[in-house]
PDB file of all heavy atoms in Angstrom:
ATOM      1  N   GLU A   1       0.852  -1.252   0.005  1.00  0.00           N
ATOM      2  CA  GLU A   1       0.013   0.008   0.041  1.00  0.00           C
ATOM      3  C   GLU A   1       0.895   1.149   0.027  1.00  0.00           C
ATOM      4  O   GLU A   1       0.536   2.275  -0.609  1.00  0.00           O
ATOM      5  CB  GLU A   1      -0.925   0.072   1.211  1.00  0.00           C
ATOM      6  CG  GLU A   1      -2.054  -0.954   1.055  1.00  0.00           C
ATOM      7  CD  GLU A   1      -2.774  -1.254   2.355  1.00  0.00           C
ATOM      8  OE1 GLU A   1      -2.053  -1.104   3.528  1.00  0.00           O
ATOM      9  OE2 GLU A   1      -3.869  -1.748   2.330  1.00  0.00           O
ATOM     10  N   ASN A   2       1.882   1.285   0.874  1.00  0.00           N
ATOM     11  CA  ASN A   2       2.890   2.467   0.684  1.00  0.00           C
ATOM     12  C   ASN A   2       3.559   2.612  -0.609  1.00  0.00           C
ATOM     13  O   ASN A   2       3.592   3.796  -1.033  1.00  0.00           O
ATOM     14  CB  ASN A   2       4.019   2.179   1.766  1.00  0.00           C
ATOM     15  CG  ASN A   2       3.622   2.663   3.141  1.00  0.00           C
ATOM     16  OD1 ASN A   2       3.761   3.957   3.394  1.00  0.00           O
ATOM     17  ND2 ASN A   2       3.134   1.811   4.015  1.00  0.00           N
ATOM     18  N   LEU A   3       3.779   1.538  -1.272  1.00  0.00           N
ATOM     19  CA  LEU A   3       4.388   1.678  -2.600  1.00  0.00           C
ATOM     20  C   LEU A   3       3.435   2.215  -3.617  1.00  0.00           C
ATOM     21  O   LEU A   3       3.831   3.019  -4.529  1.00  0.00           O
ATOM     22  CB  LEU A   3       4.893   0.280  -3.098  1.00  0.00           C
ATOM     23  CG  LEU A   3       6.329  -0.229  -2.525  1.00  0.00           C
ATOM     24  CD1 LEU A   3       6.554  -1.646  -2.928  1.00  0.00           C
ATOM     25  CD2 LEU A   3       7.470   0.757  -2.965  1.00  0.00           C
ATOM     26  N   LEU A   4       2.258   1.761  -3.605  1.00  0.00           N
ATOM     27  CA  LEU A   4       1.301   2.157  -4.650  1.00  0.00           C
ATOM     28  C   LEU A   4       0.632   3.567  -4.387  1.00  0.00           C
ATOM     29  O   LEU A   4       0.084   4.197  -5.191  1.00  0.00           O
ATOM     30  CB  LEU A   4       0.116   1.064  -4.661  1.00  0.00           C
ATOM     31  CG  LEU A   4       0.652  -0.172  -5.362  1.00  0.00           C
ATOM     32  CD1 LEU A   4      -0.521  -1.257  -5.193  1.00  0.00           C
ATOM     33  CD2 LEU A   4       0.976  -0.068  -6.718  1.00  0.00           C
ATOM     34  N   LEU A   5       0.647   4.031  -3.169  1.00  0.00           N
ATOM     35  CA  LEU A   5      -0.109   5.144  -2.720  1.00  0.00           C
ATOM     36  C   LEU A   5       0.282   6.396  -3.607  1.00  0.00           C
ATOM     37  O   LEU A   5      -0.653   7.098  -3.972  1.00  0.00           O
ATOM     38  CB  LEU A   5       0.166   5.333  -1.209  1.00  0.00           C
ATOM     39  CG  LEU A   5      -0.737   6.437  -0.545  1.00  0.00           C
ATOM     40  CD1 LEU A   5      -2.236   6.102  -0.651  1.00  0.00           C
ATOM     41  CD2 LEU A   5      -0.385   6.692   0.916  1.00  0.00           C
ATOM     42  N   PRO A   6       1.536   6.754  -3.873  1.00  0.00           N
ATOM     43  CA  PRO A   6       1.861   7.997  -4.569  1.00  0.00           C
ATOM     44  C   PRO A   6       1.188   8.023  -5.984  1.00  0.00           C
ATOM     45  O   PRO A   6       0.942   9.085  -6.435  1.00  0.00           O
ATOM     46  CB  PRO A   6       3.380   8.049  -4.618  1.00  0.00           C
ATOM     47  CG  PRO A   6       3.781   7.061  -3.467  1.00  0.00           C
ATOM     48  CD  PRO A   6       2.742   6.008  -3.365  1.00  0.00           C
ATOM     49  N   LEU A   7       1.072   6.819  -6.524  1.00  0.00           N
ATOM     50  CA  LEU A   7       0.576   6.793  -7.878  1.00  0.00           C
ATOM     51  C   LEU A   7      -0.992   6.523  -8.019  1.00  0.00           C
ATOM     52  O   LEU A   7      -1.523   6.749  -9.057  1.00  0.00           O
ATOM     53  CB  LEU A   7       1.275   5.750  -8.732  1.00  0.00           C
ATOM     54  CG  LEU A   7       2.785   5.792  -8.817  1.00  0.00           C
ATOM     55  CD1 LEU A   7       3.420   4.873  -9.835  1.00  0.00           C
ATOM     56  CD2 LEU A   7       3.143   7.311  -9.339  1.00  0.00           C
ATOM     57  N   GLN A   8      -1.587   5.998  -6.875  1.00  0.00           N
ATOM     58  CA  GLN A   8      -3.029   5.684  -6.863  1.00  0.00           C
ATOM     59  C   GLN A   8      -3.886   6.751  -7.407  1.00  0.00           C
ATOM     60  O   GLN A   8      -4.841   6.656  -8.019  1.00  0.00           O
ATOM     61  CB  GLN A   8      -3.515   5.030  -5.566  1.00  0.00           C
ATOM     62  CG  GLN A   8      -2.801   3.738  -5.332  1.00  0.00           C
ATOM     63  CD  GLN A   8      -3.551   2.551  -6.072  1.00  0.00           C
ATOM     64  OE1 GLN A   8      -4.025   2.725  -7.168  1.00  0.00           O
ATOM     65  NE2 GLN A   8      -3.454   1.391  -5.662  1.00  0.00           N
ATOM     66  N   GLY A   9      -3.573   8.066  -6.811  1.00  0.00           N
ATOM     67  CA  GLY A   9      -4.401   9.205  -7.107  1.00  0.00           C
ATOM     68  C   GLY A   9      -3.943   9.794  -8.392  1.00  0.00           C
ATOM     69  O   GLY A   9      -4.612  10.855  -8.860  1.00  0.00           O
ATOM     70  N   ARG A  10      -3.229   9.165  -9.227  1.00  0.00           N
ATOM     71  CA  ARG A  10      -2.557   9.700 -10.436  1.00  0.00           C
ATOM     72  C   ARG A  10      -2.721   8.741 -11.566  1.00  0.00           C
ATOM     73  O   ARG A  10      -1.908   8.721 -12.473  1.00  0.00           O
ATOM     74  CB  ARG A  10      -1.168  10.256 -10.212  1.00  0.00           C
ATOM     75  CG  ARG A  10      -1.022  11.204  -9.216  1.00  0.00           C
ATOM     76  CD  ARG A  10       0.469  11.682  -8.992  1.00  0.00           C
ATOM     77  NE  ARG A  10       0.517  12.709  -8.093  1.00  0.00           N
ATOM     78  CZ  ARG A  10       0.431  12.783  -6.768  1.00  0.00           C
ATOM     79  NH1 ARG A  10       0.011  11.587  -6.137  1.00  0.00           N
ATOM     80  NH2 ARG A  10       0.426  13.798  -5.971  1.00  0.00           N
ATOM     81  N   ARG A  11      -3.877   7.935 -11.456  1.00  0.00           N
ATOM     82  CA  ARG A  11      -4.005   6.943 -12.605  1.00  0.00           C
ATOM     83  C   ARG A  11      -4.160   7.558 -13.901  1.00  0.00           C
ATOM     84  O   ARG A  11      -3.764   6.944 -14.946  1.00  0.00           O
ATOM     85  CB  ARG A  11      -5.137   5.942 -12.147  1.00  0.00           C
ATOM     86  CG  ARG A  11      -4.753   4.995 -10.986  1.00  0.00           C
ATOM     87  CD  ARG A  11      -5.758   3.780 -10.883  1.00  0.00           C
ATOM     88  NE  ARG A  11      -5.241   2.849 -10.031  1.00  0.00           N
ATOM     89  CZ  ARG A  11      -4.473   1.834 -10.276  1.00  0.00           C
ATOM     90  NH1 ARG A  11      -4.136   1.647 -11.670  1.00  0.00           N
ATOM     91  NH2 ARG A  11      -4.129   1.003  -9.394  1.00  0.00           N
ATOM     92  N   ALA A  12      -4.825   8.764 -13.871  1.00  0.00           N
ATOM     93  CA  ALA A  12      -4.919   9.333 -15.259  1.00  0.00           C
ATOM     94  C   ALA A  12      -3.555   9.720 -15.898  1.00  0.00           C
ATOM     95  O   ALA A  12      -3.502   9.772 -17.058  1.00  0.00           O
ATOM     96  CB  ALA A  12      -5.805  10.715 -15.001  1.00  0.00           C
ATOM     97  N   GLN A  13      -2.630   9.958 -14.964  1.00  0.00           N
ATOM     98  CA  GLN A  13      -1.314  10.414 -15.365  1.00  0.00           C
ATOM     99  C   GLN A  13      -0.428   9.142 -15.760  1.00  0.00           C
ATOM    100  O   GLN A  13       0.290   9.149 -16.844  1.00  0.00           O
ATOM    101  CB  GLN A  13      -0.562  11.246 -14.382  1.00  0.00           C
ATOM    102  CG  GLN A  13       0.801  11.748 -14.794  1.00  0.00           C
ATOM    103  CD  GLN A  13       1.468  12.581 -13.715  1.00  0.00           C
ATOM    104  OE1 GLN A  13       0.811  12.933 -12.672  1.00  0.00           O
ATOM    105  NE2 GLN A  13       2.809  12.828 -13.848  1.00  0.00           N
ATOM    106  N   PHE A  14      -0.501   8.146 -14.914  1.00  0.00           N
ATOM    107  CA  PHE A  14       0.402   7.031 -15.068  1.00  0.00           C
ATOM    108  C   PHE A  14      -0.320   5.732 -15.708  1.00  0.00           C
ATOM    109  O   PHE A  14       0.355   4.905 -16.246  1.00  0.00           O
ATOM    110  CB  PHE A  14       0.962   6.640 -13.621  1.00  0.00           C
ATOM    111  CG  PHE A  14       1.882   7.539 -13.124  1.00  0.00           C
ATOM    112  CD1 PHE A  14       1.473   8.550 -12.310  1.00  0.00           C
ATOM    113  CD2 PHE A  14       3.183   7.643 -13.620  1.00  0.00           C
ATOM    114  CE1 PHE A  14       2.290   9.493 -11.726  1.00  0.00           C
ATOM    115  CE2 PHE A  14       4.003   8.502 -12.977  1.00  0.00           C
ATOM    116  CZ  PHE A  14       3.581   9.592 -12.111  1.00  0.00           C
ATOM    117  N   GLY A  15      -1.600   5.670 -15.539  1.00  0.00           N
ATOM    118  CA  GLY A  15      -2.381   4.534 -16.214  1.00  0.00           C
ATOM    119  C   GLY A  15      -1.892   3.232 -15.973  1.00  0.00           C
ATOM    120  O   GLY A  15      -1.485   2.690 -14.954  1.00  0.00           O
ATOM    121  N   ALA A  16      -1.629   2.528 -17.275  1.00  0.00           N
ATOM    122  CA  ALA A  16      -1.343   1.145 -17.249  1.00  0.00           C
ATOM    123  C   ALA A  16       0.020   0.824 -16.832  1.00  0.00           C
ATOM    124  O   ALA A  16       0.325  -0.205 -16.568  1.00  0.00           O
ATOM    125  CB  ALA A  16      -1.549   0.517 -18.612  1.00  0.00           C
ATOM    126  N   ILE A  17       0.863   1.850 -16.652  1.00  0.00           N
ATOM    127  CA  ILE A  17       2.259   1.660 -16.297  1.00  0.00           C
ATOM    128  C   ILE A  17       2.423   1.343 -14.764  1.00  0.00           C
ATOM    129  O   ILE A  17       3.530   1.012 -14.342  1.00  0.00           O
ATOM    130  CB  ILE A  17       3.224   2.744 -16.781  1.00  0.00           C
ATOM    131  CG1 ILE A  17       2.953   4.043 -15.829  1.00  0.00           C
ATOM    132  CG2 ILE A  17       3.181   3.015 -18.105  1.00  0.00           C
ATOM    133  CD1 ILE A  17       4.089   5.128 -16.256  1.00  0.00           C
ATOM    134  N   ILE A  18       1.389   1.632 -14.038  1.00  0.00           N
ATOM    135  CA  ILE A  18       1.554   1.380 -12.617  1.00  0.00           C
ATOM    136  C   ILE A  18       1.919  -0.032 -12.270  1.00  0.00           C
ATOM    137  O   ILE A  18       2.829  -0.326 -11.346  1.00  0.00           O
ATOM    138  CB  ILE A  18       0.262   1.774 -11.804  1.00  0.00           C
ATOM    139  CG1 ILE A  18      -0.058   3.302 -11.926  1.00  0.00           C
ATOM    140  CG2 ILE A  18       0.265   1.447 -10.390  1.00  0.00           C
ATOM    141  CD1 ILE A  18      -1.216   3.848 -11.245  1.00  0.00           C
ATOM    142  N   GLU A  19       1.237  -0.914 -12.882  1.00  0.00           N
ATOM    143  CA  GLU A  19       1.455  -2.298 -12.492  1.00  0.00           C
ATOM    144  C   GLU A  19       2.971  -2.754 -12.987  1.00  0.00           C
ATOM    145  O   GLU A  19       3.620  -3.554 -12.252  1.00  0.00           O
ATOM    146  CB  GLU A  19       0.470  -3.208 -13.150  1.00  0.00           C
ATOM    147  CG  GLU A  19      -0.947  -3.091 -12.407  1.00  0.00           C
ATOM    148  CD  GLU A  19      -1.006  -3.353 -11.008  1.00  0.00           C
ATOM    149  OE1 GLU A  19      -0.332  -4.254 -10.573  1.00  0.00           O
ATOM    150  OE2 GLU A  19      -1.778  -2.555 -10.372  1.00  0.00           O
ATOM    151  N   GLU A  20       3.273  -2.224 -14.167  1.00  0.00           N
ATOM    152  CA  GLU A  20       4.535  -2.450 -14.657  1.00  0.00           C
ATOM    153  C   GLU A  20       5.679  -1.882 -13.626  1.00  0.00           C
ATOM    154  O   GLU A  20       6.618  -2.636 -13.447  1.00  0.00           O
ATOM    155  CB  GLU A  20       4.721  -1.891 -16.091  1.00  0.00           C
ATOM    156  CG  GLU A  20       6.158  -2.009 -16.798  1.00  0.00           C
ATOM    157  CD  GLU A  20       6.148  -1.462 -18.073  1.00  0.00           C
ATOM    158  OE1 GLU A  20       5.142  -1.178 -18.589  1.00  0.00           O
ATOM    159  OE2 GLU A  20       7.298  -1.251 -18.435  1.00  0.00           O
ATOM    160  N   ARG A  21       5.400  -0.755 -13.215  1.00  0.00           N
ATOM    161  CA  ARG A  21       6.343  -0.019 -12.304  1.00  0.00           C
ATOM    162  C   ARG A  21       6.406  -0.897 -11.069  1.00  0.00           C
ATOM    163  O   ARG A  21       7.554  -1.088 -10.386  1.00  0.00           O
ATOM    164  CB  ARG A  21       5.925   1.298 -12.103  1.00  0.00           C
ATOM    165  CG  ARG A  21       6.141   2.319 -13.231  1.00  0.00           C
ATOM    166  CD  ARG A  21       7.442   3.161 -12.997  1.00  0.00           C
ATOM    167  NE  ARG A  21       7.418   4.305 -13.936  1.00  0.00           N
ATOM    168  CZ  ARG A  21       6.992   5.520 -13.754  1.00  0.00           C
ATOM    169  NH1 ARG A  21       6.638   5.879 -12.568  1.00  0.00           N
ATOM    170  NH2 ARG A  21       7.118   6.419 -14.694  1.00  0.00           N
ATOM    171  N   PHE A  22       5.374  -1.357 -10.740  1.00  0.00           N
ATOM    172  CA  PHE A  22       5.246  -2.157  -9.338  1.00  0.00           C
ATOM    173  C   PHE A  22       6.137  -3.394  -9.509  1.00  0.00           C
ATOM    174  O   PHE A  22       6.831  -3.617  -8.640  1.00  0.00           O
ATOM    175  CB  PHE A  22       3.717  -2.441  -8.928  1.00  0.00           C
ATOM    176  CG  PHE A  22       3.615  -3.099  -7.665  1.00  0.00           C
ATOM    177  CD1 PHE A  22       3.879  -2.389  -6.527  1.00  0.00           C
ATOM    178  CD2 PHE A  22       3.116  -4.409  -7.574  1.00  0.00           C
ATOM    179  CE1 PHE A  22       3.764  -3.111  -5.308  1.00  0.00           C
ATOM    180  CE2 PHE A  22       2.969  -5.066  -6.331  1.00  0.00           C
ATOM    181  CZ  PHE A  22       3.337  -4.348  -5.170  1.00  0.00           C
ATOM    182  N   ARG A  23       5.927  -4.069 -10.493  1.00  0.00           N
ATOM    183  CA  ARG A  23       6.693  -5.345 -10.725  1.00  0.00           C
ATOM    184  C   ARG A  23       8.207  -4.987 -10.781  1.00  0.00           C
ATOM    185  O   ARG A  23       8.984  -5.708 -10.213  1.00  0.00           O
ATOM    186  CB  ARG A  23       6.224  -6.038 -11.974  1.00  0.00           C
ATOM    187  CG  ARG A  23       4.729  -6.718 -11.880  1.00  0.00           C
ATOM    188  CD  ARG A  23       4.559  -7.636 -13.037  1.00  0.00           C
ATOM    189  NE  ARG A  23       4.597  -7.050 -14.280  1.00  0.00           N
ATOM    190  CZ  ARG A  23       3.436  -6.378 -14.783  1.00  0.00           C
ATOM    191  NH1 ARG A  23       2.305  -6.471 -14.161  1.00  0.00           N
ATOM    192  NH2 ARG A  23       3.510  -5.786 -16.068  1.00  0.00           N
ATOM    193  N   ASP A  24       8.541  -3.985 -11.552  1.00  0.00           N
ATOM    194  CA  ASP A  24       9.903  -3.610 -11.719  1.00  0.00           C
ATOM    195  C   ASP A  24      10.480  -3.217 -10.392  1.00  0.00           C
ATOM    196  O   ASP A  24      11.498  -3.619 -10.066  1.00  0.00           O
ATOM    197  CB  ASP A  24      10.032  -2.514 -12.642  1.00  0.00           C
ATOM    198  CG  ASP A  24      11.465  -2.063 -12.930  1.00  0.00           C
ATOM    199  OD1 ASP A  24      12.333  -2.967 -12.873  1.00  0.00           O
ATOM    200  OD2 ASP A  24      11.660  -0.783 -13.352  1.00  0.00           O
ATOM    201  N   THR A  25       9.800  -2.556  -9.531  1.00  0.00           N
ATOM    202  CA  THR A  25      10.271  -2.065  -8.347  1.00  0.00           C
ATOM    203  C   THR A  25      10.517  -3.235  -7.323  1.00  0.00           C
ATOM    204  O   THR A  25      11.525  -3.241  -6.620  1.00  0.00           O
ATOM    205  CB  THR A  25       9.155  -1.048  -7.576  1.00  0.00           C
ATOM    206  OG1 THR A  25       9.002   0.057  -8.430  1.00  0.00           O
ATOM    207  CG2 THR A  25       9.587  -0.614  -6.211  1.00  0.00           C
ATOM    208  N   LEU A  26       9.648  -4.219  -7.268  1.00  0.00           N
ATOM    209  CA  LEU A  26       9.859  -5.398  -6.450  1.00  0.00           C
ATOM    210  C   LEU A  26      10.911  -6.091  -7.001  1.00  0.00           C
ATOM    211  O   LEU A  26      11.807  -6.733  -6.121  1.00  0.00           O
ATOM    212  CB  LEU A  26       8.622  -6.295  -6.536  1.00  0.00           C
ATOM    213  CG  LEU A  26       7.401  -5.651  -5.921  1.00  0.00           C
ATOM    214  CD1 LEU A  26       6.189  -6.640  -5.788  1.00  0.00           C
ATOM    215  CD2 LEU A  26       7.562  -5.045  -4.430  1.00  0.00           C
ATOM    216  N   ALA A  27      11.357  -6.157  -8.197  1.00  0.00           N
ATOM    217  CA  ALA A  27      12.562  -6.918  -8.709  1.00  0.00           C
ATOM    218  C   ALA A  27      13.785  -6.172  -8.334  1.00  0.00           C
ATOM    219  O   ALA A  27      14.799  -6.796  -7.992  1.00  0.00           O
ATOM    220  CB  ALA A  27      12.398  -6.915 -10.326  1.00  0.00           C
ATOM    221  N   GLN A  28      13.703  -4.864  -8.253  1.00  0.00           N
ATOM    222  CA  GLN A  28      14.846  -4.074  -7.844  1.00  0.00           C
ATOM    223  C   GLN A  28      15.105  -3.959  -6.264  1.00  0.00           C
ATOM    224  O   GLN A  28      16.199  -3.853  -5.822  1.00  0.00           O
ATOM    225  CB  GLN A  28      14.743  -2.536  -8.236  1.00  0.00           C
ATOM    226  CG  GLN A  28      14.576  -2.409  -9.863  1.00  0.00           C
ATOM    227  CD  GLN A  28      15.801  -2.826 -10.449  1.00  0.00           C
ATOM    228  OE1 GLN A  28      16.956  -2.730 -10.047  1.00  0.00           O
ATOM    229  NE2 GLN A  28      15.679  -3.225 -11.754  1.00  0.00           N
ATOM    230  N   PHE A  29      14.035  -4.214  -5.543  1.00  0.00           N
ATOM    231  CA  PHE A  29      14.071  -4.318  -4.139  1.00  0.00           C
ATOM    232  C   PHE A  29      13.420  -5.526  -3.599  1.00  0.00           C
ATOM    233  O   PHE A  29      12.414  -5.526  -2.965  1.00  0.00           O
ATOM    234  CB  PHE A  29      13.222  -3.036  -3.510  1.00  0.00           C
ATOM    235  CG  PHE A  29      13.749  -1.811  -3.759  1.00  0.00           C
ATOM    236  CD1 PHE A  29      13.495  -1.124  -5.032  1.00  0.00           C
ATOM    237  CD2 PHE A  29      14.600  -1.048  -2.885  1.00  0.00           C
ATOM    238  CE1 PHE A  29      13.948   0.200  -5.337  1.00  0.00           C
ATOM    239  CE2 PHE A  29      15.172   0.318  -3.226  1.00  0.00           C
ATOM    240  CZ  PHE A  29      14.931   0.800  -4.492  1.00  0.00           C
ATOM    241  N   PRO A  30      14.212  -6.663  -3.733  1.00  0.00           N
ATOM    242  CA  PRO A  30      13.669  -8.003  -3.459  1.00  0.00           C
ATOM    243  C   PRO A  30      13.280  -8.177  -1.913  1.00  0.00           C
ATOM    244  O   PRO A  30      12.338  -8.859  -1.592  1.00  0.00           O
ATOM    245  CB  PRO A  30      14.655  -8.978  -3.747  1.00  0.00           C
ATOM    246  CG  PRO A  30      16.034  -8.126  -3.868  1.00  0.00           C
ATOM    247  CD  PRO A  30      15.464  -6.719  -4.337  1.00  0.00           C
ATOM    248  N   VAL A  31      13.936  -7.397  -1.048  1.00  0.00           N
ATOM    249  CA  VAL A  31      13.512  -7.495   0.385  1.00  0.00           C
ATOM    250  C   VAL A  31      12.103  -7.017   0.637  1.00  0.00           C
ATOM    251  O   VAL A  31      11.542  -7.475   1.653  1.00  0.00           O
ATOM    252  CB  VAL A  31      14.729  -6.651   1.197  1.00  0.00           C
ATOM    253  CG1 VAL A  31      14.562  -5.093   1.033  1.00  0.00           C
ATOM    254  CG2 VAL A  31      14.442  -6.988   2.743  1.00  0.00           C
ATOM    255  N   LEU A  32      11.632  -6.166  -0.244  1.00  0.00           N
ATOM    256  CA  LEU A  32      10.351  -5.670  -0.042  1.00  0.00           C
ATOM    257  C   LEU A  32       9.361  -6.647  -0.633  1.00  0.00           C
ATOM    258  O   LEU A  32       8.241  -6.873  -0.046  1.00  0.00           O
ATOM    259  CB  LEU A  32      10.086  -4.223  -0.670  1.00  0.00           C
ATOM    260  CG  LEU A  32      11.021  -3.131  -0.164  1.00  0.00           C
ATOM    261  CD1 LEU A  32      10.787  -1.834  -0.985  1.00  0.00           C
ATOM    262  CD2 LEU A  32      10.789  -2.906   1.371  1.00  0.00           C
ATOM    263  N   ALA A  33       9.770  -7.283  -1.653  1.00  0.00           N
ATOM    264  CA  ALA A  33       8.922  -8.295  -2.276  1.00  0.00           C
ATOM    265  C   ALA A  33       8.555  -9.463  -1.251  1.00  0.00           C
ATOM    266  O   ALA A  33       7.516 -10.052  -1.277  1.00  0.00           O
ATOM    267  CB  ALA A  33       9.549  -8.917  -3.612  1.00  0.00           C
ATOM    268  N   GLN A  34       9.575  -9.719  -0.433  1.00  0.00           N
ATOM    269  CA  GLN A  34       9.321 -10.796   0.697  1.00  0.00           C
ATOM    270  C   GLN A  34       8.527 -10.227   1.712  1.00  0.00           C
ATOM    271  O   GLN A  34       8.181 -11.193   2.599  1.00  0.00           O
ATOM    272  CB  GLN A  34      10.775 -11.241   1.118  1.00  0.00           C
ATOM    273  CG  GLN A  34      11.621 -11.763   0.099  1.00  0.00           C
ATOM    274  CD  GLN A  34      13.084 -11.797   0.423  1.00  0.00           C
ATOM    275  OE1 GLN A  34      13.432 -11.765   1.710  1.00  0.00           O
ATOM    276  NE2 GLN A  34      14.009 -12.031  -0.526  1.00  0.00           N
ATOM    277  N   ASN A  35       8.122  -8.947   1.862  1.00  0.00           N
ATOM    278  CA  ASN A  35       7.340  -8.441   2.943  1.00  0.00           C
ATOM    279  C   ASN A  35       6.282  -7.650   2.621  1.00  0.00           C
ATOM    280  O   ASN A  35       5.946  -6.630   3.294  1.00  0.00           O
ATOM    281  CB  ASN A  35       8.359  -7.592   3.840  1.00  0.00           C
ATOM    282  CG  ASN A  35       9.433  -8.345   4.503  1.00  0.00           C
ATOM    283  OD1 ASN A  35       9.325  -9.010   5.627  1.00  0.00           O
ATOM    284  ND2 ASN A  35      10.746  -8.379   3.883  1.00  0.00           N
ATOM    285  N   LEU A  36       5.735  -7.964   1.374  1.00  0.00           N
ATOM    286  CA  LEU A  36       4.630  -7.061   0.863  1.00  0.00           C
ATOM    287  C   LEU A  36       3.471  -6.818   1.808  1.00  0.00           C
ATOM    288  O   LEU A  36       2.872  -5.675   1.938  1.00  0.00           O
ATOM    289  CB  LEU A  36       4.191  -7.657  -0.464  1.00  0.00           C
ATOM    290  CG  LEU A  36       4.833  -7.264  -1.699  1.00  0.00           C
ATOM    291  CD1 LEU A  36       4.136  -7.828  -2.888  1.00  0.00           C
ATOM    292  CD2 LEU A  36       4.810  -5.768  -1.934  1.00  0.00           C
TER     293      LEU A  36
END
């Protein structure tokens, strides 16, 4: 929820890339992927 919060209110601006960004971020920060 903390990761998604900055973009949730900006879906019109970021649109479909939110999920792509989310997956990429978890790949870059694996310690967070283990503690979602």
